[in-house]
C-alpha atoms as a PDB file:
ATOM      1  CA  MET A   1      -0.764  65.445  10.755  1.00  0.00           C
ATOM      2  CA  ARG A   2       0.986  64.799  14.710  1.00  0.00           C
ATOM      3  CA  LYS A   3      -0.901  62.233  15.339  1.00  0.00           C
ATOM      4  CA  LEU A   4       0.447  60.232  12.438  1.00  0.00           C
ATOM      5  CA  VAL A   5       4.132  60.901  12.602  1.00  0.00           C
ATOM      6  CA  THR A   6       3.707  59.329  16.173  1.00  0.00           C
ATOM      7  CA  ILE A   7       1.653  56.540  15.044  1.00  0.00           C
ATOM      8  CA  GLY A   8       4.768  56.450  12.610  1.00  0.00           C
ATOM      9  CA  LEU A   9       7.731  56.629  14.940  1.00  0.00           C
ATOM     10  CA  LEU A  10       6.247  53.584  16.767  1.00  0.00           C
ATOM     11  CA  ALA A  11       6.041  51.888  13.829  1.00  0.00           C
ATOM     12  CA  LEU A  12       9.775  52.737  13.179  1.00  0.00           C
ATOM     13  CA  THR A  13      10.557  51.617  16.733  1.00  0.00           C
ATOM     14  CA  LEU A  14       9.065  48.474  16.750  1.00  0.00           C
ATOM     15  CA  ALA A  15      10.823  47.386  13.736  1.00  0.00           C
ATOM     16  CA  ALA A  16      14.366  48.593  15.111  1.00  0.00           C
ATOM     17  CA  VAL A  17      13.711  46.564  18.390  1.00  0.00           C
ATOM     18  CA  ALA A  18      12.461  43.638  16.329  1.00  0.00           C
ATOM     19  CA  GLY A  19      15.744  43.508  14.959  1.00  0.00           C
ATOM     20  CA  CYS A  20      17.381  43.683  17.762  1.00  0.00           C
ATOM     21  CA  SER A  21      15.398  41.040  19.605  1.00  0.00           C
ATOM     22  CA  SER A  22      16.579  38.350  16.823  1.00  0.00           C
ATOM     23  CA  SER A  23      19.815  38.413  17.890  1.00  0.00           C
ATOM     24  CA  SER A  24      19.644  35.191  20.081  1.00  0.00           C
ATOM     25  CA  GLY A  25      20.208  32.919  16.789  1.00  0.00           C
ATOM     26  CA  ASP A  26      16.800  32.882  14.816  1.00  0.00           C
ATOM     27  CA  GLU A  27      17.443  34.795  11.505  1.00  0.00           C
ATOM     28  CA  GLY A  28      14.110  33.331  10.108  1.00  0.00           C
ATOM     29  CA  ALA A  29      11.936  34.814  12.635  1.00  0.00           C
ATOM     30  CA  GLY A  30      13.921  38.297  12.624  1.00  0.00           C
ATOM     31  CA  ALA A  31      13.397  39.031   8.869  1.00  0.00           C
ATOM     32  CA  GLY A  32       9.829  37.974   9.385  1.00  0.00           C
ATOM     33  CA  GLY A  33       9.674  40.533  12.348  1.00  0.00           C
ATOM     34  CA  THR A  34      10.897  43.108  10.637  1.00  0.00           C
ATOM     35  CA  GLY A  35       8.596  42.769   7.755  1.00  0.00           C
ATOM     36  CA  GLY A  36       5.728  42.402   9.977  1.00  0.00           C
ATOM     37  CA  GLY A  37       7.126  45.687  11.615  1.00  0.00           C
ATOM     38  CA  GLY A  38       6.809  47.463   7.952  1.00  0.00           C
ATOM     39  CA  GLU A  39       3.304  45.970   7.403  1.00  0.00           C
ATOM     40  CA  LEU A  40       2.145  47.017  11.034  1.00  0.00           C
ATOM     41  CA  SER A  41       3.590  50.888  10.385  1.00  0.00           C
ATOM     42  CA  LYS A  42       0.870  50.692   6.967  1.00  0.00           C
ATOM     43  CA  GLU A  43      -1.997  49.863   8.804  1.00  0.00           C
ATOM     44  CA  MET A  44      -1.684  51.910  11.995  1.00  0.00           C
ATOM     45  CA  ALA A  45      -0.894  54.716   9.820  1.00  0.00           C
ATOM     46  CA  ALA A  46      -4.137  53.760   8.029  1.00  0.00           C
ATOM     47  CA  SER A  47      -6.449  52.451  10.427  1.00  0.00           C
ATOM     48  CA  SER A  48      -5.952  54.412  13.822  1.00  0.00           C
ATOM     49  CA  GLU A  49      -8.055  57.424  14.285  1.00  0.00           C
ATOM     50  CA  GLY A  50      -7.794  58.151  18.227  1.00  0.00           C
ATOM     51  CA  GLY A  51      -4.398  57.684  19.089  1.00  0.00           C
ATOM     52  CA  SER A  52      -2.485  59.495  22.211  1.00  0.00           C
ATOM     53  CA  ASP A  53      -0.219  62.501  21.519  1.00  0.00           C
ATOM     54  CA  ASP A  54       1.897  61.301  24.651  1.00  0.00           C
ATOM     55  CA  ALA A  55       3.140  58.279  22.812  1.00  0.00           C
ATOM     56  CA  ALA A  56       6.234  57.048  23.416  1.00  0.00           C
ATOM     57  CA  THR A  57       9.532  57.965  21.084  1.00  0.00           C
ATOM     58  CA  PRO A  58      12.973  55.246  20.647  1.00  0.00           C
ATOM     59  CA  GLY A  59      14.474  57.636  22.950  1.00  0.00           C
ATOM     60  CA  ASN A  60      12.539  56.299  26.007  1.00  0.00           C
ATOM     61  CA  LEU A  61      11.541  52.807  24.695  1.00  0.00           C
ATOM     62  CA  ILE A  62      14.460  51.627  26.889  1.00  0.00           C
ATOM     63  CA  ASP A  63      16.336  52.068  29.830  1.00  0.00           C
ATOM     64  CA  SER A  64      19.912  52.411  29.467  1.00  0.00           C
ATOM     65  CA  SER A  65      20.651  52.210  33.255  1.00  0.00           C
ATOM     66  CA  VAL A  66      22.478  49.085  34.235  1.00  0.00           C
ATOM     67  CA  PRO A  67      22.633  48.019  37.684  1.00  0.00           C
ATOM     68  CA  GLN A  68      26.057  47.606  39.226  1.00  0.00           C
ATOM     69  CA  VAL A  69      26.466  43.546  40.512  1.00  0.00           C
ATOM     70  CA  GLY A  70      29.580  42.604  42.543  1.00  0.00           C
ATOM     71  CA  PRO A  71      31.499  39.503  41.119  1.00  0.00           C
ATOM     72  CA  GLN A  72      29.378  35.968  40.423  1.00  0.00           C
ATOM     73  CA  VAL A  73      31.366  32.992  40.934  1.00  0.00           C
ATOM     74  CA  VAL A  74      30.444  29.513  40.512  1.00  0.00           C
ATOM     75  CA  LYS A  75      32.749  27.831  42.636  1.00  0.00           C
ATOM     76  CA  THR A  76      33.374  23.699  42.480  1.00  0.00           C
ATOM     77  CA  ALA A  77      35.986  21.311  44.104  1.00  0.00           C
ATOM     78  CA  ALA A  78      36.570  17.722  43.829  1.00  0.00           C
ATOM     79  CA  LEU A  79      37.821  15.315  46.857  1.00  0.00           C
ATOM     80  CA  ARG A  80      39.380  11.889  46.852  1.00  0.00           C
ATOM     81  CA  LEU A  81      39.538  10.640  50.726  1.00  0.00           C
ATOM     82  CA  ALA A  82      40.618   6.986  51.568  1.00  0.00           C
ATOM     83  CA  VAL A  83      38.944   5.771  55.062  1.00  0.00           C
ATOM     84  CA  GLU A  84      39.751   3.155  57.030  1.00  0.00           C
ATOM     85  CA  ARG A  85      38.488  -0.351  56.418  1.00  0.00           C
ATOM     86  CA  GLY A  86      35.153  -0.543  57.595  1.00  0.00           C
ATOM     87  CA  GLU A  87      34.348   2.835  57.694  1.00  0.00           C
ATOM     88  CA  PHE A  88      33.252   3.787  54.251  1.00  0.00           C
ATOM     89  CA  ASP A  89      29.331   3.155  55.202  1.00  0.00           C
ATOM     90  CA  ALA A  90      30.209   5.465  58.406  1.00  0.00           C
ATOM     91  CA  THR A  91      31.920   8.255  55.984  1.00  0.00           C
ATOM     92  CA  ILE A  92      29.019   8.339  53.982  1.00  0.00           C
ATOM     93  CA  ASP A  93      26.678   8.946  56.518  1.00  0.00           C
ATOM     94  CA  GLU A  94      28.615  11.917  58.435  1.00  0.00           C
ATOM     95  CA  ALA A  95      29.217  13.535  54.929  1.00  0.00           C
ATOM     96  CA  GLY A  96      25.351  13.742  54.463  1.00  0.00           C
ATOM     97  CA  ALA A  97      25.060  14.944  57.606  1.00  0.00           C
ATOM     98  CA  ILE A  98      27.813  17.478  57.278  1.00  0.00           C
ATOM     99  CA  THR A  99      26.158  18.769  53.826  1.00  0.00           C
ATOM    100  CA  ALA A 100      22.529  19.242  55.774  1.00  0.00           C
ATOM    101  CA  GLY A 101      24.120  20.961  59.004  1.00  0.00           C
ATOM    102  CA  LEU A 102      25.288  23.528  56.734  1.00  0.00           C
ATOM    103  CA  GLY A 103      21.817  24.042  54.788  1.00  0.00           C
ATOM    104  CA  GLY A 104      22.969  21.706  52.044  1.00  0.00           C
ATOM    105  CA  PHE A 105      21.607  18.875  50.494  1.00  0.00           C
ATOM    106  CA  VAL A 106      22.786  15.976  48.284  1.00  0.00           C
ATOM    107  CA  VAL A 107      22.838  15.805  44.683  1.00  0.00           C
ATOM    108  CA  SER A 108      23.613  11.951  43.978  1.00  0.00           C
ATOM    109  CA  SER A 109      25.380   9.126  45.686  1.00  0.00           C
ATOM    110  CA  SER A 110      27.056   5.684  44.256  1.00  0.00           C
ATOM    111  CA  ALA A 111      28.749   3.067  45.896  1.00  0.00           C
ATOM    112  CA  SER A 112      30.163  -0.601  44.663  1.00  0.00           C
ATOM    113  CA  GLN A 113      31.283  -3.372  46.257  1.00  0.00           C
ATOM    114  CA  GLY A 114      34.762  -4.913  46.966  1.00  0.00           C
ATOM    115  CA  SER A 115      36.166  -8.492  46.974  1.00  0.00           C
ATOM    116  CA  GLU A 116      34.203  -9.042  50.087  1.00  0.00           C
ATOM    117  CA  ARG A 117      30.821  -8.095  48.977  1.00  0.00           C
ATOM    118  CA  ARG A 118      30.411  -4.736  50.645  1.00  0.00           C
ATOM    119  CA  LEU A 119      30.829  -1.757  50.122  1.00  0.00           C
ATOM    120  CA  VAL A 120      33.866   0.180  49.997  1.00  0.00           C
ATOM    121  CA  ARG A 121      34.380   2.672  47.295  1.00  0.00           C
ATOM    122  CA  GLY A 122      31.466   5.093  46.244  1.00  0.00           C
ATOM    123  CA  THR A 123      30.931   9.126  44.935  1.00  0.00           C
ATOM    124  CA  VAL A 124      28.691  11.828  46.727  1.00  0.00           C
ATOM    125  CA  VAL A 125      27.893  14.933  45.138  1.00  0.00           C
ATOM    126  CA  VAL A 126      26.616  17.537  47.232  1.00  0.00           C
ATOM    127  CA  ARG A 127      25.518  21.286  47.208  1.00  0.00           C
ATOM    128  CA  VAL A 128      25.986  24.078  50.244  1.00  0.00           C
ATOM    129  CA  PRO A 129      25.466  27.628  50.017  1.00  0.00           C
ATOM    130  CA  GLU A 130      28.016  29.600  48.550  1.00  0.00           C
ATOM    131  CA  ARG A 131      28.696  31.455  52.296  1.00  0.00           C
ATOM    132  CA  SER A 132      29.459  28.020  53.359  1.00  0.00           C
ATOM    133  CA  TYR A 133      31.480  26.569  50.756  1.00  0.00           C
ATOM    134  CA  ASP A 134      35.052  26.752  52.674  1.00  0.00           C
ATOM    135  CA  GLU A 135      33.505  25.310  56.262  1.00  0.00           C
ATOM    136  CA  ALA A 136      32.227  22.344  53.743  1.00  0.00           C
ATOM    137  CA  VAL A 137      35.281  21.928  51.852  1.00  0.00           C
ATOM    138  CA  GLU A 138      37.076  22.142  55.651  1.00  0.00           C
ATOM    139  CA  ALA A 139      34.674  19.768  57.309  1.00  0.00           C
ATOM    140  CA  LEU A 140      34.569  16.918  54.481  1.00  0.00           C
ATOM    141  CA  ARG A 141      38.604  17.147  54.321  1.00  0.00           C
ATOM    142  CA  ALA A 142      38.697  15.537  57.840  1.00  0.00           C
ATOM    143  CA  LEU A 143      36.634  12.902  57.160  1.00  0.00           C
ATOM    144  CA  GLY A 144      39.795  10.744  55.900  1.00  0.00           C
ATOM    145  CA  LYS A 145      43.201  11.281  54.459  1.00  0.00           C
ATOM    146  CA  VAL A 146      43.196  13.553  51.490  1.00  0.00           C
ATOM    147  CA  GLU A 147      44.535  11.774  48.252  1.00  0.00           C
ATOM    148  CA  SER A 148      43.883  14.848  45.937  1.00  0.00           C
ATOM    149  CA  ARG A 149      41.907  18.168  45.950  1.00  0.00           C
ATOM    150  CA  THR A 150      40.809  20.262  43.153  1.00  0.00           C
ATOM    151  CA  GLU A 151      38.790  23.530  43.078  1.00  0.00           C
ATOM    152  CA  SER A 152      37.902  26.302  40.744  1.00  0.00           C
ATOM    153  CA  GLY A 153      35.815  29.096  40.279  1.00  0.00           C
ATOM    154  CA  GLN A 154      34.160  30.292  37.196  1.00  0.00           C
ATOM    155  CA  ASP A 155      33.158  33.950  37.009  1.00  0.00           C
ATOM    156  CA  VAL A 156      30.052  34.290  35.052  1.00  0.00           C
ATOM    157  CA  SER A 157      29.701  38.282  35.932  1.00  0.00           C
ATOM    158  CA  GLN A 158      29.633  39.077  32.355  1.00  0.00           C
ATOM    159  CA  GLU A 159      26.760  36.942  31.065  1.00  0.00           C
ATOM    160  CA  TYR A 160      25.216  37.770  34.240  1.00  0.00           C
ATOM    161  CA  VAL A 161      24.894  41.501  33.559  1.00  0.00           C
ATOM    162  CA  ASP A 162      23.960  40.738  29.915  1.00  0.00           C
ATOM    163  CA  LEU A 163      21.117  38.490  30.699  1.00  0.00           C
ATOM    164  CA  GLY A 164      19.691  41.399  33.328  1.00  0.00           C
ATOM    165  CA  ALA A 165      20.419  43.780  30.453  1.00  0.00           C
ATOM    166  CA  ARG A 166      18.519  41.409  27.892  1.00  0.00           C
ATOM    167  CA  ILE A 167      15.789  40.926  30.035  1.00  0.00           C
ATOM    168  CA  ARG A 168      15.286  44.812  30.798  1.00  0.00           C
ATOM    169  CA  GLN A 169      15.222  45.325  27.022  1.00  0.00           C
ATOM    170  CA  LEU A 170      12.849  42.307  26.092  1.00  0.00           C
ATOM    171  CA  GLN A 171      10.354  43.455  28.867  1.00  0.00           C
ATOM    172  CA  ALA A 172      10.261  47.311  27.491  1.00  0.00           C
ATOM    173  CA  VAL A 173       9.688  45.609  24.268  1.00  0.00           C
ATOM    174  CA  GLU A 174       6.997  43.675  25.566  1.00  0.00           C
ATOM    175  CA  SER A 175       4.989  46.349  27.169  1.00  0.00           C
ATOM    176  CA  GLN A 176       5.529  48.596  24.047  1.00  0.00           C
ATOM    177  CA  LEU A 177       4.069  45.622  22.011  1.00  0.00           C
ATOM    178  CA  LEU A 178       1.197  44.959  23.861  1.00  0.00           C
ATOM    179  CA  GLU A 179       0.288  48.767  23.761  1.00  0.00           C
ATOM    180  CA  LEU A 180       0.273  48.500  20.248  1.00  0.00           C
ATOM    181  CA  LEU A 181      -1.533  45.387  20.402  1.00  0.00           C
ATOM    182  CA  ASP A 182      -4.374  47.043  22.052  1.00  0.00           C
ATOM    183  CA  ARG A 183      -4.173  49.874  19.714  1.00  0.00           C
ATOM    184  CA  ALA A 184      -4.126  47.895  16.276  1.00  0.00           C
ATOM    185  CA  GLY A 185      -7.363  48.793  14.060  1.00  0.00           C
ATOM    186  CA  THR A 186      -7.439  45.964  11.698  1.00  0.00           C
ATOM    187  CA  VAL A 187      -7.098  42.100  12.569  1.00  0.00           C
ATOM    188  CA  GLN A 188      -4.057  42.320  10.143  1.00  0.00           C
ATOM    189  CA  ALA A 189      -2.094  44.644  12.533  1.00  0.00           C
ATOM    190  CA  ALA A 190      -3.163  42.524  15.306  1.00  0.00           C
ATOM    191  CA  LEU A 191      -1.772  39.539  13.757  1.00  0.00           C
ATOM    192  CA  SER A 192       1.168  41.330  12.950  1.00  0.00           C
ATOM    193  CA  VAL A 193       2.022  43.008  16.119  1.00  0.00           C
ATOM    194  CA  GLN A 194       0.696  39.249  18.166  1.00  0.00           C
ATOM    195  CA  ARG A 195       3.366  37.421  15.827  1.00  0.00           C
ATOM    196  CA  GLN A 196       6.076  40.234  17.025  1.00  0.00           C
ATOM    197  CA  LEU A 197       4.573  39.532  20.651  1.00  0.00           C
ATOM    198  CA  SER A 198       5.132  35.895  20.770  1.00  0.00           C
ATOM    199  CA  GLN A 199       8.795  36.006  19.708  1.00  0.00           C
ATOM    200  CA  ILE A 200       9.935  38.760  22.462  1.00  0.00           C
ATOM    201  CA  GLN A 201       7.989  36.318  25.013  1.00  0.00           C
ATOM    202  CA  LEU A 202       9.817  33.419  24.027  1.00  0.00           C
ATOM    203  CA  ASP A 203      13.346  35.526  24.072  1.00  0.00           C
ATOM    204  CA  LEU A 204      12.244  36.930  27.235  1.00  0.00           C
ATOM    205  CA  GLU A 205      11.472  33.530  29.018  1.00  0.00           C
ATOM    206  CA  ARG A 206      14.632  31.609  27.828  1.00  0.00           C
ATOM    207  CA  ALA A 207      16.691  34.973  29.316  1.00  0.00           C
ATOM    208  CA  ARG A 208      15.069  34.650  32.578  1.00  0.00           C
ATOM    209  CA  GLY A 209      15.562  30.918  32.598  1.00  0.00           C
ATOM    210  CA  ARG A 210      19.400  30.920  31.669  1.00  0.00           C
ATOM    211  CA  LEU A 211      19.296  34.068  34.933  1.00  0.00           C
ATOM    212  CA  GLN A 212      17.994  31.500  37.044  1.00  0.00           C
ATOM    213  CA  TYR A 213      20.205  29.189  36.421  1.00  0.00           C
ATOM    214  CA  LEU A 214      23.298  31.137  37.120  1.00  0.00           C
ATOM    215  CA  ASP A 215      21.704  32.422  40.336  1.00  0.00           C
ATOM    216  CA  ASP A 216      21.260  28.576  41.693  1.00  0.00           C
ATOM    217  CA  ARG A 217      25.046  27.817  40.532  1.00  0.00           C
ATOM    218  CA  ILE A 218      25.986  31.327  41.990  1.00  0.00           C
ATOM    219  CA  ALA A 219      24.165  30.316  45.178  1.00  0.00           C
ATOM    220  CA  PHE A 220      25.159  26.732  45.947  1.00  0.00           C
ATOM    221  CA  ALA A 221      28.648  25.483  45.410  1.00  0.00           C
ATOM    222  CA  THR A 222      28.917  22.099  44.502  1.00  0.00           C
ATOM    223  CA  ILE A 223      31.471  19.913  45.604  1.00  0.00           C
ATOM    224  CA  SER A 224      32.195  16.201  44.526  1.00  0.00           C
ATOM    225  CA  LEU A 225      33.605  13.531  47.103  1.00  0.00           C
ATOM    226  CA  GLU A 226      35.395  10.440  46.084  1.00  0.00           C
ATOM    227  CA  ILE A 227      35.876   8.133  48.755  1.00  0.00           C
ATOM    228  CA  HIS A 228      37.034   4.818  49.003  1.00  0.00           C
ATOM    229  CA  GLU A 229      38.655   2.317  51.784  1.00  0.00           C
ATOM    230  CA  ALA A 230      42.211   2.026  52.290  1.00  0.00           C
ATOM    231  CA  VAL A 231      44.103  -1.435  51.288  1.00  0.00           C
ATOM    232  CA  VAL A 232      45.832  -2.776  54.462  1.00  0.00           C
ATOM    233  CA  PRO A 233      49.254  -4.653  53.174  1.00  0.00           C
ATOM    234  CA  ALA A 234      49.742  -8.208  54.394  1.00  0.00           C
ATOM    235  CA  PRO A 235      52.260  -8.948  57.031  1.00  0.00           C
ATOM    236  CA  ALA A 236      55.312 -10.089  56.165  1.00  0.00           C
ATOM    237  CA  GLN A 237      56.271 -13.450  57.592  1.00  0.00           C
ATOM    238  CA  ASP A 238      59.140 -13.643  60.174  1.00  0.00           C
ATOM    239  CA  ASP A 239      61.536 -16.228  59.098  1.00  0.00           C
ATOM    240  CA  GLY A 240      64.480 -15.784  60.593  1.00  0.00           C
ATOM    241  CA  GLY A 241      65.909 -12.841  58.177  1.00  0.00           C
ATOM    242  CA  PHE A 242      67.289 -15.913  56.141  1.00  0.00           C
ATOM    243  CA  GLY A 243      64.511 -16.874  53.841  1.00  0.00           C
ATOM    244  CA  VAL A 244      64.090 -20.445  55.183  1.00  0.00           C
ATOM    245  CA  VAL A 245      60.755 -20.909  54.811  1.00  0.00           C
ATOM    246  CA  GLU A 246      60.654 -19.246  51.138  1.00  0.00           C
ATOM    247  CA  ALA A 247      63.927 -21.738  50.318  1.00  0.00           C
ATOM    248  CA  TRP A 248      61.864 -24.875  51.377  1.00  0.00           C
ATOM    249  CA  LYS A 249      58.815 -23.846  48.775  1.00  0.00           C
ATOM    250  CA  LYS A 250      61.145 -22.973  45.840  1.00  0.00           C
ATOM    251  CA  ALA A 251      63.173 -26.849  47.020  1.00  0.00           C
ATOM    252  CA  ALA A 252      59.953 -28.201  47.260  1.00  0.00           C
ATOM    253  CA  ASN A 253      58.514 -27.191  43.891  1.00  0.00           C
ATOM    254  CA  GLY A 254      61.933 -27.440  41.779  1.00  0.00           C
ATOM    255  CA  PHE A 255      61.755 -31.308  43.080  1.00  0.00           C
ATOM    256  CA  LEU A 256      57.918 -31.689  41.850  1.00  0.00           C
ATOM    257  CA  ALA A 257      59.025 -29.964  38.466  1.00  0.00           C
ATOM    258  CA  VAL A 258      62.251 -32.657  37.888  1.00  0.00           C
ATOM    259  CA  VAL A 259      59.728 -35.634  39.275  1.00  0.00           C
ATOM    260  CA  GLY A 260      57.301 -34.570  36.693  1.00  0.00           C
ATOM    261  CA  TRP A 261      59.392 -34.148  33.361  1.00  0.00           C
ATOM    262  CA  THR A 262      60.843 -37.370  35.005  1.00  0.00           C
ATOM    263  CA  PHE A 263      57.418 -39.142  34.098  1.00  0.00           C
ATOM    264  CA  VAL A 264      57.123 -37.217  30.708  1.00  0.00           C
ATOM    265  CA  VAL A 265      60.368 -38.582  29.778  1.00  0.00           C
ATOM    266  CA  LEU A 266      59.609 -41.905  30.356  1.00  0.00           C
ATOM    267  CA  ALA A 267      56.636 -41.977  29.224  1.00  0.00           C
ATOM    268  CA  THR A 268      57.795 -40.692  26.058  1.00  0.00           C
ATOM    269  CA  VAL A 269      60.515 -43.303  25.530  1.00  0.00           C
ATOM    270  CA  ALA A 270      58.640 -46.630  26.730  1.00  0.00           C
ATOM    271  CA  PRO A 271      56.634 -47.079  23.310  1.00  0.00           C
ATOM    272  CA  ILE A 272      60.164 -46.900  21.320  1.00  0.00           C
ATOM    273  CA  PHE A 273      61.481 -49.430  23.529  1.00  0.00           C
ATOM    274  CA  LEU A 274      58.179 -51.680  23.367  1.00  0.00           C
ATOM    275  CA  ILE A 275      58.730 -51.561  19.764  1.00  0.00           C
ATOM    276  CA  LEU A 276      62.498 -53.064  19.578  1.00  0.00           C
ATOM    277  CA  ALA A 277      61.454 -55.736  21.883  1.00  0.00           C
ATOM    278  CA  LEU A 278      58.367 -56.854  19.595  1.00  0.00           C
ATOM    279  CA  ALA A 279      60.571 -56.565  16.533  1.00  0.00           C
ATOM    280  CA  LEU A 280      63.103 -58.714  18.198  1.00  0.00           C
ATOM    281  CA  LEU A 281      60.665 -61.615  19.192  1.00  0.00           C
ATOM    282  CA  ILE A 282      59.063 -61.358  15.560  1.00  0.00           C
ATOM    283  CA  ALA A 283      62.660 -61.893  14.100  1.00  0.00           C
ATOM    284  CA  ARG A 284      63.336 -65.122  16.373  1.00  0.00           C
ATOM    285  CA  VAL A 285      60.150 -66.854  15.007  1.00  0.00           C
ATOM    286  CA  ALA A 286      60.755 -66.070  11.798  1.00  0.00           C
ATOM    287  CA  PHE A 287      64.408 -67.422  11.667  1.00  0.00           C
ATOM    288  CA  GLY A 288      63.876 -70.315  13.952  1.00  0.00           C
ATOM    289  CA  LYS A 289      66.956 -69.923  15.674  1.00  0.00           C
ATOM    290  CA  ARG A 290      68.015 -68.202  18.956  1.00  0.00           C
ATOM    291  CA  LEU A 291      69.420 -64.991  17.937  1.00  0.00           C
ATOM    292  CA  PRO A 292      72.466 -64.623  20.706  1.00  0.00           C
ATOM    293  CA  TRP A 293      72.146 -61.247  22.769  1.00  0.00           C
ATOM    294  CA  PRO A 294      74.588 -58.732  22.643  1.00  0.00           C
ATOM    295  CA  ALA A 295      77.566 -59.786  24.967  1.00  0.00           C
ATOM    296  CA  ARG A 296      78.191 -57.804  28.090  1.00  0.00           C
ATOM    297  CA  ARG A 297      81.238 -56.420  28.710  1.00  0.00           C
ATOM    298  CA  PRO A 298      83.515 -57.680  31.544  1.00  0.00           C
ATOM    299  CA  ALA A 299      83.226 -55.214  34.498  1.00  0.00           C
END
């Protein structure tokens, strides 16, 4: 009788934990898991003959202790720098050297050409160890004139602690399921346990992957550096302070405009005079006499 009670407690524990593990978003899987747990309870109660008297109970299935962790912050920064003409390539190389010297690495780099068909602007993204973040920002700022600067820190401490607790829970459930799988007396009971075990292991890998991603983001800060060469303004021409050169340019442009419009007017009026002269000639021939020309008024 004691063995049957112990097996029943194990089955109930399995069903309860399977329902908790389905909270990652798959309701269908959670419902199936609970049903499998009830089926497993019947199979284990009916088929197990040699259960151990010191089986686990729901109270000691999961270790409720939570380790203390400090603030977990993801640091990022963005800098926009202006460098002198012809210094773009050297600045990019120096930014990479600074990053490597601090134990970091370049994530990506891009550049584009200017009007002179050479690289004059671009962006480089680097990652440096969190302990060297402040030093890296200061060193990169010194590469040119800072036009803009943005820094941010995302606190992921709560998610970090939640993931650690979830991983410990899933590991405990995995160990319990593996024990039940070894003790399954029928094929149906073994398949039911295997279905639950597969879902638990999938959730465990997802939680581990997310925690590893957060560890990487916390351990290495990300700095985005936008660099461009400063545009040098053209020097103003000295014309004695009276604008003589500019005045001559405007006068020449005005003269050319007047000449141009004069030719346009003449080209427009010339056909009219030709038509009038032709009409006068035809009239003289038709009437056989000389038409008097308009008399000129004395001056």
